Amino acid sequence: MPRFPSRLAVAGTAVVLAAGLTTPTAVQAAAKPSARARALSWVAMGDSYTAGVIEATGAETEPVDGCARTVGSYPEIARRDLGSLVDQHNVSCSGATTENVDATKLSPLGRPLPPLGSDPNAPYPPVPPQIDAVGPATDLITVGIGGNDLGFAEILKNCIELGATHLGQGTPCKDAYDASLPGRLAGLRDAYDRMLTALHAKAPFAKVLTVGYPHLVPEDVNLCTYGDLRQFATFTTGDLAWARTAIVEPLNAAIARTTAAHGDTFVDLYPTTAGHSVCDADHWLDGVLTSILPLKYALVHPNARGQANAAVVVENAVLGG
């Protein structure tokens, strides 16, 4: 797995990073020998793939508000690694959609997530739209969002149920959802466009990085064992192949295209996570469960290694690598 940049390497790129993200006036001031670059104002946004959520990514950060941000999530790793170079505000939240970034409040569920339990401290008060953390002085925005717009959780649940009723045969989930995907993807592209437009309007000088989704399903779906709760449970083999090519890959493509249209940078996690899917031996994502004994849920999310890899890729993008 890639190593984190050293503190020395990070420090060596700090002036370049500051120059790339600040206004001309600030750049001129930073160029003076006696001047000291201020910490970059960074707002980290996103859904559960950003927040961390699952036990495999560590304890929740304070304050606990139901969004289930964890100490092992990639924004928190990057915050620690970059140290005083950044002033990060992490507002990512489990269950968030693009609308929860730019427009509406979200009532978070905490952890564990249903159907494997419910947070004993729930219900939590609604959290504000993530864009509320952004202002004219924001230098950097990272946002990893979109899976919930497509209905990731709904599709996962129903594919498992359909696979069980069909005894692992055929493509019952593809048959149920394939016709709806073009419309869902079109809706996502429109929503992503509105979100990026809103972020740029509120933070006109910010660098915006959008973060894609990792390699959930292996290229060889025969690596997945039907009925294994540490993988995709009762998803059929045919539906797994369909989910990779018809959902995850088009989702990343839609995000990348919309990001490019706004002149922003797409951070692609897919290549670095090839060979580390839920069903690979060295898996950086956990399946329905992280473990059976003791029972630890995952609901197909990056584990600690997956979040650490995402931190490396995002940091490289932040530092211009």
C-alpha atoms as a PDB file:
ATOM      1  CA  MET A   1       0.000   0.000   0.000  1.00  0.00           C
ATOM      2  CA  PRO A   2       1.309   3.536  -0.685  1.00  0.00           C
ATOM      3  CA  ARG A   3       3.054   5.236   2.208  1.00  0.00           C
ATOM      4  CA  PHE A   4       2.065   8.573   3.653  1.00  0.00           C
ATOM      5  CA  PRO A   5       4.186  11.557   2.589  1.00  0.00           C
ATOM      6  CA  SER A   6       6.726  12.424   5.243  1.00  0.00           C
ATOM      7  CA  ARG A   7       6.367  15.552   7.354  1.00  0.00           C
ATOM      8  CA  LEU A   8       9.443  16.934   5.600  1.00  0.00           C
ATOM      9  CA  ALA A   9       7.915  16.320   2.168  1.00  0.00           C
ATOM     10  CA  VAL A  10       4.652  17.897   3.259  1.00  0.00           C
ATOM     11  CA  ALA A  11       6.439  20.928   4.664  1.00  0.00           C
ATOM     12  CA  GLY A  12       8.407  21.295   1.438  1.00  0.00           C
ATOM     13  CA  THR A  13       5.213  21.598  -0.596  1.00  0.00           C
ATOM     14  CA  ALA A  14       3.384  23.908   1.816  1.00  0.00           C
ATOM     15  CA  VAL A  15       4.355  27.136   0.072  1.00  0.00           C
ATOM     16  CA  VAL A  16       3.411  25.694  -3.339  1.00  0.00           C
ATOM     17  CA  LEU A  17       0.085  24.510  -1.953  1.00  0.00           C
ATOM     18  CA  ALA A  18      -0.623  27.863  -0.383  1.00  0.00           C
ATOM     19  CA  ALA A  19       0.181  29.617  -3.642  1.00  0.00           C
ATOM     20  CA  GLY A  20      -2.184  27.353  -5.537  1.00  0.00           C
ATOM     21  CA  LEU A  21      -5.119  27.896  -3.216  1.00  0.00           C
ATOM     22  CA  THR A  22      -4.895  31.522  -2.082  1.00  0.00           C
ATOM     23  CA  THR A  23      -5.825  34.793  -3.751  1.00  0.00           C
ATOM     24  CA  PRO A  24      -3.131  36.823  -5.602  1.00  0.00           C
ATOM     25  CA  THR A  25      -2.899  39.287  -2.711  1.00  0.00           C
ATOM     26  CA  ALA A  26      -2.253  36.509  -0.232  1.00  0.00           C
ATOM     27  CA  VAL A  27       0.292  34.902  -2.548  1.00  0.00           C
ATOM     28  CA  GLN A  28       2.202  38.148  -2.786  1.00  0.00           C
ATOM     29  CA  ALA A  29       2.187  38.457   0.993  1.00  0.00           C
ATOM     30  CA  ALA A  30       3.326  34.859   1.407  1.00  0.00           C
ATOM     31  CA  ALA A  31       6.254  35.507  -0.917  1.00  0.00           C
ATOM     32  CA  LYS A  32       7.822  37.953   1.588  1.00  0.00           C
ATOM     33  CA  PRO A  33      10.665  36.245   3.468  1.00  0.00           C
ATOM     34  CA  SER A  34       9.249  37.200   6.860  1.00  0.00           C
ATOM     35  CA  ALA A  35       5.729  36.088   6.053  1.00  0.00           C
ATOM     36  CA  ARG A  36       4.357  32.835   7.407  1.00  0.00           C
ATOM     37  CA  ALA A  37       1.753  30.920   5.425  1.00  0.00           C
ATOM     38  CA  ARG A  38      -1.505  30.507   7.313  1.00  0.00           C
ATOM     39  CA  ALA A  39      -3.161  27.168   7.741  1.00  0.00           C
ATOM     40  CA  LEU A  40      -5.343  26.303   4.780  1.00  0.00           C
ATOM     41  CA  SER A  41      -9.049  26.345   5.521  1.00  0.00           C
ATOM     42  CA  TRP A  42     -10.324  22.918   4.447  1.00  0.00           C
ATOM     43  CA  VAL A  43     -13.930  21.702   4.580  1.00  0.00           C
ATOM     44  CA  ALA A  44     -14.272  17.916   4.190  1.00  0.00           C
ATOM     45  CA  MET A  45     -17.723  16.835   3.016  1.00  0.00           C
ATOM     46  CA  GLY A  46     -19.309  13.557   2.043  1.00  0.00           C
ATOM     47  CA  ASP A  47     -21.324  10.475   2.955  1.00  0.00           C
ATOM     48  CA  SER A  48     -20.479   7.354   4.975  1.00  0.00           C
ATOM     49  CA  TYR A  49     -17.569   6.447   2.679  1.00  0.00           C
ATOM     50  CA  THR A  50     -15.966   9.700   3.839  1.00  0.00           C
ATOM     51  CA  ALA A  51     -17.223   9.715   7.427  1.00  0.00           C
ATOM     52  CA  GLY A  52     -15.966   6.197   8.181  1.00  0.00           C
ATOM     53  CA  VAL A  53     -18.967   4.986  10.186  1.00  0.00           C
ATOM     54  CA  ILE A  54     -18.097   1.338  10.797  1.00  0.00           C
ATOM     55  CA  GLU A  55     -16.274  -0.065  13.830  1.00  0.00           C
ATOM     56  CA  ALA A  56     -13.423  -1.196  11.580  1.00  0.00           C
ATOM     57  CA  THR A  57     -12.467   2.484  11.143  1.00  0.00           C
ATOM     58  CA  GLY A  58     -12.271   3.250  14.842  1.00  0.00           C
ATOM     59  CA  ALA A  59     -14.092   5.285  17.458  1.00  0.00           C
ATOM     60  CA  GLU A  60     -16.355   8.189  16.637  1.00  0.00           C
ATOM     61  CA  THR A  61     -14.906  11.675  16.770  1.00  0.00           C
ATOM     62  CA  GLU A  62     -16.221  14.315  19.137  1.00  0.00           C
ATOM     63  CA  PRO A  63     -18.776  15.762  19.250  1.00  0.00           C
ATOM     64  CA  VAL A  64     -20.934  12.690  18.574  1.00  0.00           C
ATOM     65  CA  ASP A  65     -23.841  13.993  16.502  1.00  0.00           C
ATOM     66  CA  GLY A  66     -25.047  10.842  14.748  1.00  0.00           C
ATOM     67  CA  CYS A  67     -23.003  11.360  11.578  1.00  0.00           C
ATOM     68  CA  ALA A  68     -20.577   8.630  12.732  1.00  0.00           C
ATOM     69  CA  ARG A  69     -17.344  10.323  11.688  1.00  0.00           C
ATOM     70  CA  THR A  70     -14.497   8.090  12.870  1.00  0.00           C
ATOM     71  CA  VAL A  71     -10.875   8.600  13.847  1.00  0.00           C
ATOM     72  CA  GLY A  72      -9.763   6.245  11.070  1.00  0.00           C
ATOM     73  CA  SER A  73     -11.638   7.988   8.245  1.00  0.00           C
ATOM     74  CA  TYR A  74      -9.533   9.573   5.515  1.00  0.00           C
ATOM     75  CA  PRO A  75     -10.263  13.210   6.446  1.00  0.00           C
ATOM     76  CA  GLU A  76      -9.145  12.560  10.018  1.00  0.00           C
ATOM     77  CA  ILE A  77      -6.008  10.712   8.868  1.00  0.00           C
ATOM     78  CA  ALA A  78      -5.178  13.593   6.520  1.00  0.00           C
ATOM     79  CA  ARG A  79      -5.813  16.124   9.284  1.00  0.00           C
ATOM     80  CA  ARG A  80      -3.272  14.366  11.499  1.00  0.00           C
ATOM     81  CA  ASP A  81      -0.768  13.860   8.700  1.00  0.00           C
ATOM     82  CA  LEU A  82      -0.841  17.454   7.439  1.00  0.00           C
ATOM     83  CA  GLY A  83      -0.858  18.886  10.945  1.00  0.00           C
ATOM     84  CA  SER A  84      -0.621  22.651  11.240  1.00  0.00           C
ATOM     85  CA  LEU A  85      -0.675  23.109   7.460  1.00  0.00           C
ATOM     86  CA  VAL A  86      -4.455  22.756   7.428  1.00  0.00           C
ATOM     87  CA  ASP A  87      -7.383  23.919   9.498  1.00  0.00           C
ATOM     88  CA  GLN A  88      -9.888  21.210   8.629  1.00  0.00           C
ATOM     89  CA  HIS A  89     -13.611  21.164   9.351  1.00  0.00           C
ATOM     90  CA  ASN A  90     -15.004  17.682   8.730  1.00  0.00           C
ATOM     91  CA  VAL A  91     -18.783  17.786   8.203  1.00  0.00           C
ATOM     92  CA  SER A  92     -19.186  14.479   6.347  1.00  0.00           C
ATOM     93  CA  CYS A  93     -22.195  12.474   7.486  1.00  0.00           C
ATOM     94  CA  SER A  94     -23.475   8.944   7.048  1.00  0.00           C
ATOM     95  CA  GLY A  95     -26.519   8.810   4.820  1.00  0.00           C
ATOM     96  CA  ALA A  96     -25.847  12.139   3.106  1.00  0.00           C
ATOM     97  CA  THR A  97     -26.886  12.892  -0.464  1.00  0.00           C
ATOM     98  CA  THR A  98     -25.881  15.800  -2.688  1.00  0.00           C
ATOM     99  CA  GLU A  99     -28.978  17.611  -1.411  1.00  0.00           C
ATOM    100  CA  ASN A 100     -27.685  17.285   2.150  1.00  0.00           C
ATOM    101  CA  VAL A 101     -24.513  19.004   0.985  1.00  0.00           C
ATOM    102  CA  ASP A 102     -26.048  22.039  -0.688  1.00  0.00           C
ATOM    103  CA  ALA A 103     -29.617  22.439   0.535  1.00  0.00           C
ATOM    104  CA  THR A 104     -31.288  20.376   3.257  1.00  0.00           C
ATOM    105  CA  LYS A 105     -30.696  19.155   6.779  1.00  0.00           C
ATOM    106  CA  LEU A 106     -30.106  15.481   7.510  1.00  0.00           C
ATOM    107  CA  SER A 107     -31.364  13.457  10.480  1.00  0.00           C
ATOM    108  CA  PRO A 108     -28.415  11.103  11.106  1.00  0.00           C
ATOM    109  CA  LEU A 109     -28.839   7.552  12.385  1.00  0.00           C
ATOM    110  CA  GLY A 110     -25.551   7.115  14.255  1.00  0.00           C
ATOM    111  CA  ARG A 111     -24.165   3.593  14.538  1.00  0.00           C
ATOM    112  CA  PRO A 112     -24.704   0.727  14.265  1.00  0.00           C
ATOM    113  CA  LEU A 113     -26.874   1.251  11.222  1.00  0.00           C
ATOM    114  CA  PRO A 114     -30.166  -0.599  10.714  1.00  0.00           C
ATOM    115  CA  PRO A 115     -30.974  -3.410  10.112  1.00  0.00           C
ATOM    116  CA  LEU A 116     -28.193  -4.727  12.347  1.00  0.00           C
ATOM    117  CA  GLY A 117     -29.116  -2.557  15.293  1.00  0.00           C
ATOM    118  CA  SER A 118     -29.772   1.032  16.210  1.00  0.00           C
ATOM    119  CA  ASP A 119     -27.738   3.656  18.020  1.00  0.00           C
ATOM    120  CA  PRO A 120     -28.730   3.787  21.718  1.00  0.00           C
ATOM    121  CA  ASN A 121     -28.239   7.566  21.664  1.00  0.00           C
ATOM    122  CA  ALA A 122     -30.635   8.080  18.734  1.00  0.00           C
ATOM    123  CA  PRO A 123     -32.615   9.994  17.684  1.00  0.00           C
ATOM    124  CA  TYR A 124     -30.147  12.784  16.971  1.00  0.00           C
ATOM    125  CA  PRO A 125     -31.098  16.375  16.090  1.00  0.00           C
ATOM    126  CA  PRO A 126     -30.882  17.187  12.370  1.00  0.00           C
ATOM    127  CA  VAL A 127     -27.504  18.458  11.181  1.00  0.00           C
ATOM    128  CA  PRO A 128     -27.335  21.483   8.869  1.00  0.00           C
ATOM    129  CA  PRO A 129     -26.490  21.269   5.161  1.00  0.00           C
ATOM    130  CA  GLN A 130     -22.772  20.666   4.818  1.00  0.00           C
ATOM    131  CA  ILE A 131     -22.380  23.801   2.710  1.00  0.00           C
ATOM    132  CA  ASP A 132     -23.026  25.847   5.860  1.00  0.00           C
ATOM    133  CA  ALA A 133     -19.420  25.107   6.866  1.00  0.00           C
ATOM    134  CA  VAL A 134     -18.138  26.818   3.701  1.00  0.00           C
ATOM    135  CA  GLY A 135     -17.434  30.522   3.382  1.00  0.00           C
ATOM    136  CA  PRO A 136     -15.590  33.039   1.186  1.00  0.00           C
ATOM    137  CA  ALA A 137     -12.329  32.330   3.048  1.00  0.00           C
ATOM    138  CA  THR A 138     -12.475  28.553   2.443  1.00  0.00           C
ATOM    139  CA  ASP A 139      -9.363  27.463   0.540  1.00  0.00           C
ATOM    140  CA  LEU A 140     -10.100  23.791  -0.071  1.00  0.00           C
ATOM    141  CA  ILE A 141     -13.214  21.622  -0.338  1.00  0.00           C
ATOM    142  CA  THR A 142     -13.192  17.839  -0.635  1.00  0.00           C
ATOM    143  CA  VAL A 143     -16.489  16.087  -1.256  1.00  0.00           C
ATOM    144  CA  GLY A 144     -17.199  12.372  -1.606  1.00  0.00           C
ATOM    145  CA  ILE A 145     -20.892  11.944  -2.357  1.00  0.00           C
ATOM    146  CA  GLY A 146     -23.313  10.357  -4.821  1.00  0.00           C
ATOM    147  CA  GLY A 147     -23.868   6.746  -3.792  1.00  0.00           C
ATOM    148  CA  ASN A 148     -26.940   7.563  -1.736  1.00  0.00           C
ATOM    149  CA  ASP A 149     -28.380   9.566  -4.643  1.00  0.00           C
ATOM    150  CA  LEU A 150     -28.374   6.321  -6.629  1.00  0.00           C
ATOM    151  CA  GLY A 151     -29.838   4.359  -3.729  1.00  0.00           C
ATOM    152  CA  PHE A 152     -26.806   2.266  -2.742  1.00  0.00           C
ATOM    153  CA  ALA A 153     -28.305   1.036   0.540  1.00  0.00           C
ATOM    154  CA  GLU A 154     -31.686   0.197  -1.005  1.00  0.00           C
ATOM    155  CA  ILE A 155     -30.109  -1.715  -3.886  1.00  0.00           C
ATOM    156  CA  LEU A 156     -27.740  -3.615  -1.597  1.00  0.00           C
ATOM    157  CA  LYS A 157     -30.571  -4.706   0.688  1.00  0.00           C
ATOM    158  CA  ASN A 158     -32.859  -5.771  -2.139  1.00  0.00           C
ATOM    159  CA  CYS A 159     -30.130  -7.561  -4.102  1.00  0.00           C
ATOM    160  CA  ILE A 160     -29.363  -9.656  -1.021  1.00  0.00           C
ATOM    161  CA  GLU A 161     -33.034 -10.483  -0.527  1.00  0.00           C
ATOM    162  CA  LEU A 162     -33.636 -11.260  -4.212  1.00  0.00           C
ATOM    163  CA  GLY A 163     -30.531 -13.411  -4.376  1.00  0.00           C
ATOM    164  CA  ALA A 164     -31.780 -15.451  -1.442  1.00  0.00           C
ATOM    165  CA  THR A 165     -35.242 -15.993  -2.895  1.00  0.00           C
ATOM    166  CA  HIS A 166     -33.682 -17.058  -6.222  1.00  0.00           C
ATOM    167  CA  LEU A 167     -31.237 -19.401  -4.431  1.00  0.00           C
ATOM    168  CA  GLY A 168     -28.215 -17.625  -5.909  1.00  0.00           C
ATOM    169  CA  GLN A 169     -29.302 -18.114  -9.515  1.00  0.00           C
ATOM    170  CA  GLY A 170     -29.718 -15.613 -12.321  1.00  0.00           C
ATOM    171  CA  THR A 171     -29.728 -11.814 -12.134  1.00  0.00           C
ATOM    172  CA  PRO A 172     -32.885 -10.916 -10.178  1.00  0.00           C
ATOM    173  CA  CYS A 173     -31.516  -7.588  -8.994  1.00  0.00           C
ATOM    174  CA  LYS A 174     -30.455  -6.542 -12.469  1.00  0.00           C
ATOM    175  CA  ASP A 175     -33.910  -7.497 -13.678  1.00  0.00           C
ATOM    176  CA  ALA A 176     -35.491  -5.314 -10.985  1.00  0.00           C
ATOM    177  CA  TYR A 177     -33.253  -2.220 -11.276  1.00  0.00           C
ATOM    178  CA  ASP A 178     -31.576  -2.078 -14.674  1.00  0.00           C
ATOM    179  CA  ALA A 179     -34.306  -0.059 -16.363  1.00  0.00           C
ATOM    180  CA  SER A 180     -34.213   2.609 -13.632  1.00  0.00           C
ATOM    181  CA  LEU A 181     -30.456   3.208 -13.666  1.00  0.00           C
ATOM    182  CA  PRO A 182     -30.228   5.636 -16.626  1.00  0.00           C
ATOM    183  CA  GLY A 183     -32.734   7.913 -14.922  1.00  0.00           C
ATOM    184  CA  ARG A 184     -30.977   7.605 -11.568  1.00  0.00           C
ATOM    185  CA  LEU A 185     -27.626   8.454 -13.138  1.00  0.00           C
ATOM    186  CA  ALA A 186     -29.108  11.419 -15.023  1.00  0.00           C
ATOM    187  CA  GLY A 187     -30.593  12.685 -11.766  1.00  0.00           C
ATOM    188  CA  LEU A 188     -27.233  12.300 -10.053  1.00  0.00           C
ATOM    189  CA  ARG A 189     -25.441  14.297 -12.757  1.00  0.00           C
ATOM    190  CA  ASP A 190     -27.971  17.128 -12.423  1.00  0.00           C
ATOM    191  CA  ALA A 191     -27.741  17.081  -8.629  1.00  0.00           C
ATOM    192  CA  TYR A 192     -23.933  17.022  -8.701  1.00  0.00           C
ATOM    193  CA  ASP A 193     -23.909  19.970 -11.094  1.00  0.00           C
ATOM    194  CA  ARG A 194     -26.164  21.978  -8.776  1.00  0.00           C
ATOM    195  CA  MET A 195     -24.030  21.074  -5.766  1.00  0.00           C
ATOM    196  CA  LEU A 196     -20.747  22.134  -7.378  1.00  0.00           C
ATOM    197  CA  THR A 197     -22.345  25.349  -8.634  1.00  0.00           C
ATOM    198  CA  ALA A 198     -23.505  26.144  -5.086  1.00  0.00           C
ATOM    199  CA  LEU A 199     -20.097  25.366  -3.574  1.00  0.00           C
ATOM    200  CA  HIS A 200     -18.304  27.640  -6.039  1.00  0.00           C
ATOM    201  CA  ALA A 201     -20.803  30.424  -5.448  1.00  0.00           C
ATOM    202  CA  LYS A 202     -20.206  30.312  -1.701  1.00  0.00           C
ATOM    203  CA  ALA A 203     -16.425  29.754  -1.858  1.00  0.00           C
ATOM    204  CA  PRO A 204     -15.318  31.369  -5.140  1.00  0.00           C
ATOM    205  CA  PHE A 205     -11.580  30.977  -4.477  1.00  0.00           C
ATOM    206  CA  ALA A 206     -11.646  27.428  -3.128  1.00  0.00           C
ATOM    207  CA  LYS A 207     -10.003  24.467  -4.812  1.00  0.00           C
ATOM    208  CA  VAL A 208     -12.620  21.708  -5.087  1.00  0.00           C
ATOM    209  CA  LEU A 209     -11.692  18.028  -5.105  1.00  0.00           C
ATOM    210  CA  THR A 210     -14.400  15.434  -5.660  1.00  0.00           C
ATOM    211  CA  VAL A 211     -13.656  11.938  -4.367  1.00  0.00           C
ATOM    212  CA  GLY A 212     -14.902   8.838  -6.166  1.00  0.00           C
ATOM    213  CA  TYR A 213     -15.770   5.365  -4.910  1.00  0.00           C
ATOM    214  CA  PRO A 214     -13.380   2.417  -4.524  1.00  0.00           C
ATOM    215  CA  HIS A 215     -13.355  -0.987  -6.216  1.00  0.00           C
ATOM    216  CA  LEU A 216     -16.189  -2.679  -4.302  1.00  0.00           C
ATOM    217  CA  VAL A 217     -16.695  -5.700  -6.541  1.00  0.00           C
ATOM    218  CA  PRO A 218     -13.751  -7.682  -7.961  1.00  0.00           C
ATOM    219  CA  GLU A 219     -13.158  -8.058 -11.681  1.00  0.00           C
ATOM    220  CA  ASP A 220     -13.501 -11.810 -11.134  1.00  0.00           C
ATOM    221  CA  VAL A 221     -16.796 -12.135  -9.293  1.00  0.00           C
ATOM    222  CA  ASN A 222     -16.125 -15.846  -8.772  1.00  0.00           C
ATOM    223  CA  LEU A 223     -13.860 -14.732  -5.914  1.00  0.00           C
ATOM    224  CA  CYS A 224     -17.071 -13.966  -3.995  1.00  0.00           C
ATOM    225  CA  THR A 225     -18.672 -16.783  -2.021  1.00  0.00           C
ATOM    226  CA  TYR A 226     -22.457 -16.975  -2.107  1.00  0.00           C
ATOM    227  CA  GLY A 227     -23.914 -16.733   1.399  1.00  0.00           C
ATOM    228  CA  ASP A 228     -20.761 -15.307   3.033  1.00  0.00           C
ATOM    229  CA  LEU A 229     -21.860 -12.443   5.284  1.00  0.00           C
ATOM    230  CA  ARG A 230     -18.297 -11.110   5.345  1.00  0.00           C
ATOM    231  CA  GLN A 231     -18.700 -10.534   1.619  1.00  0.00           C
ATOM    232  CA  PHE A 232     -21.938  -9.804  -0.266  1.00  0.00           C
ATOM    233  CA  ALA A 233     -24.107 -12.385   1.520  1.00  0.00           C
ATOM    234  CA  THR A 234     -26.688 -13.771  -0.941  1.00  0.00           C
ATOM    235  CA  PHE A 235     -25.998 -11.462  -3.903  1.00  0.00           C
ATOM    236  CA  THR A 236     -25.948 -13.668  -7.003  1.00  0.00           C
ATOM    237  CA  THR A 237     -22.746 -13.852  -9.053  1.00  0.00           C
ATOM    238  CA  GLY A 238     -24.526 -12.367 -12.049  1.00  0.00           C
ATOM    239  CA  ASP A 239     -25.837  -9.448 -10.019  1.00  0.00           C
ATOM    240  CA  LEU A 240     -22.374  -8.713  -8.642  1.00  0.00           C
ATOM    241  CA  ALA A 241     -20.926  -8.419 -12.144  1.00  0.00           C
ATOM    242  CA  TRP A 242     -23.842  -6.169 -13.094  1.00  0.00           C
ATOM    243  CA  ALA A 243     -23.406  -3.984  -9.983  1.00  0.00           C
ATOM    244  CA  ARG A 244     -19.769  -3.324 -10.844  1.00  0.00           C
ATOM    245  CA  THR A 245     -20.320  -2.419 -14.497  1.00  0.00           C
ATOM    246  CA  ALA A 246     -23.779  -0.825 -14.275  1.00  0.00           C
ATOM    247  CA  ILE A 247     -23.619   0.992 -10.919  1.00  0.00           C
ATOM    248  CA  VAL A 248     -20.175   1.617  -9.421  1.00  0.00           C
ATOM    249  CA  GLU A 249     -18.220   2.331 -12.593  1.00  0.00           C
ATOM    250  CA  PRO A 250     -20.919   4.565 -14.188  1.00  0.00           C
ATOM    251  CA  LEU A 251     -21.265   6.380 -10.847  1.00  0.00           C
ATOM    252  CA  ASN A 252     -17.563   7.243 -10.857  1.00  0.00           C
ATOM    253  CA  ALA A 253     -17.743   8.220 -14.522  1.00  0.00           C
ATOM    254  CA  ALA A 254     -20.687  10.545 -13.895  1.00  0.00           C
ATOM    255  CA  ILE A 255     -18.881  12.230 -10.999  1.00  0.00           C
ATOM    256  CA  ALA A 256     -15.669  12.575 -13.028  1.00  0.00           C
ATOM    257  CA  ARG A 257     -17.450  14.128 -16.031  1.00  0.00           C
ATOM    258  CA  THR A 258     -19.427  16.614 -13.955  1.00  0.00           C
ATOM    259  CA  THR A 259     -16.321  17.518 -11.971  1.00  0.00           C
ATOM    260  CA  ALA A 260     -14.358  18.202 -15.165  1.00  0.00           C
ATOM    261  CA  ALA A 261     -17.178  20.375 -16.520  1.00  0.00           C
ATOM    262  CA  HIS A 262     -16.717  22.669 -13.513  1.00  0.00           C
ATOM    263  CA  GLY A 263     -12.947  22.773 -13.879  1.00  0.00           C
ATOM    264  CA  ASP A 264     -12.481  20.859 -10.635  1.00  0.00           C
ATOM    265  CA  THR A 265     -10.333  17.823  -9.812  1.00  0.00           C
ATOM    266  CA  PHE A 266     -11.649  14.271  -9.573  1.00  0.00           C
ATOM    267  CA  VAL A 267      -9.802  12.083  -7.065  1.00  0.00           C
ATOM    268  CA  ASP A 268     -10.104   8.550  -8.449  1.00  0.00           C
ATOM    269  CA  LEU A 269      -9.886   5.814  -5.811  1.00  0.00           C
ATOM    270  CA  TYR A 270     -10.825   3.046  -8.229  1.00  0.00           C
ATOM    271  CA  PRO A 271      -7.376   2.215  -9.703  1.00  0.00           C
ATOM    272  CA  THR A 272      -5.567   2.072  -6.356  1.00  0.00           C
ATOM    273  CA  THR A 273      -8.187  -0.262  -4.872  1.00  0.00           C
ATOM    274  CA  ALA A 274      -8.174  -2.818  -7.697  1.00  0.00           C
ATOM    275  CA  GLY A 275      -7.289  -6.153  -6.161  1.00  0.00           C
ATOM    276  CA  HIS A 276      -8.564  -4.989  -2.767  1.00  0.00           C
ATOM    277  CA  SER A 277     -12.325  -5.391  -3.206  1.00  0.00           C
ATOM    278  CA  VAL A 278     -14.673  -6.937  -0.655  1.00  0.00           C
ATOM    279  CA  CYS A 279     -13.945 -10.430  -2.010  1.00  0.00           C
ATOM    280  CA  ASP A 280     -10.164 -10.159  -2.398  1.00  0.00           C
ATOM    281  CA  ALA A 281      -7.893 -11.763   0.200  1.00  0.00           C
ATOM    282  CA  ASP A 282      -6.269  -8.398   0.941  1.00  0.00           C
ATOM    283  CA  HIS A 283      -9.561  -6.545   1.100  1.00  0.00           C
ATOM    284  CA  TRP A 284      -9.722  -2.839   1.872  1.00  0.00           C
ATOM    285  CA  LEU A 285     -13.511  -2.945   2.084  1.00  0.00           C
ATOM    286  CA  ASP A 286     -15.576  -5.152   4.367  1.00  0.00           C
ATOM    287  CA  GLY A 287     -18.778  -6.862   3.293  1.00  0.00           C
ATOM    288  CA  VAL A 288     -22.122  -6.995   5.070  1.00  0.00           C
ATOM    289  CA  LEU A 289     -20.226  -7.858   8.255  1.00  0.00           C
ATOM    290  CA  THR A 290     -16.663  -7.155   9.296  1.00  0.00           C
ATOM    291  CA  SER A 291     -16.791 -10.214  11.539  1.00  0.00           C
ATOM    292  CA  ILE A 292     -19.393 -12.724  12.679  1.00  0.00           C
ATOM    293  CA  LEU A 293     -17.953 -13.430  16.140  1.00  0.00           C
ATOM    294  CA  PRO A 294     -17.941 -10.848  17.529  1.00  0.00           C
ATOM    295  CA  LEU A 295     -20.733  -9.406  15.391  1.00  0.00           C
ATOM    296  CA  LYS A 296     -19.479  -6.235  13.703  1.00  0.00           C
ATOM    297  CA  TYR A 297     -21.432  -4.662  10.867  1.00  0.00           C
ATOM    298  CA  ALA A 298     -19.901  -3.069   7.787  1.00  0.00           C
ATOM    299  CA  LEU A 299     -22.644  -2.929   5.127  1.00  0.00           C
ATOM    300  CA  VAL A 300     -19.974  -2.776   2.403  1.00  0.00           C
ATOM    301  CA  HIS A 301     -17.741   0.092   3.524  1.00  0.00           C
ATOM    302  CA  PRO A 302     -14.000   0.757   3.462  1.00  0.00           C
ATOM    303  CA  ASN A 303     -12.146  -0.661   6.456  1.00  0.00           C
ATOM    304  CA  ALA A 304      -9.085   0.920   8.085  1.00  0.00           C
ATOM    305  CA  ARG A 305      -6.816  -0.053   5.182  1.00  0.00           C
ATOM    306  CA  GLY A 306      -9.277   1.327   2.660  1.00  0.00           C
ATOM    307  CA  GLN A 307      -9.541   4.630   4.505  1.00  0.00           C
ATOM    308  CA  ALA A 308      -5.742   4.826   4.852  1.00  0.00           C
ATOM    309  CA  ASN A 309      -5.376   4.329   1.102  1.00  0.00           C
ATOM    310  CA  ALA A 310      -7.985   7.021   0.434  1.00  0.00           C
ATOM    311  CA  ALA A 311      -6.055   9.383   2.704  1.00  0.00           C
ATOM    312  CA  VAL A 312      -2.874   8.851   0.649  1.00  0.00           C
ATOM    313  CA  VAL A 313      -4.650   9.512  -2.651  1.00  0.00           C
ATOM    314  CA  VAL A 314      -6.524  12.561  -1.343  1.00  0.00           C
ATOM    315  CA  GLU A 315      -3.384  14.006   0.272  1.00  0.00           C
ATOM    316  CA  ASN A 316      -1.484  13.629  -2.994  1.00  0.00           C
ATOM    317  CA  ALA A 317      -4.274  15.517  -4.763  1.00  0.00           C
ATOM    318  CA  VAL A 318      -4.292  18.233  -2.094  1.00  0.00           C
ATOM    319  CA  LEU A 319      -0.532  18.641  -2.429  1.00  0.00           C
ATOM    320  CA  GLY A 320      -0.737  18.704  -6.209  1.00  0.00           C
ATOM    321  CA  GLY A 321       0.825  15.271  -6.745  1.00  0.00           C
END
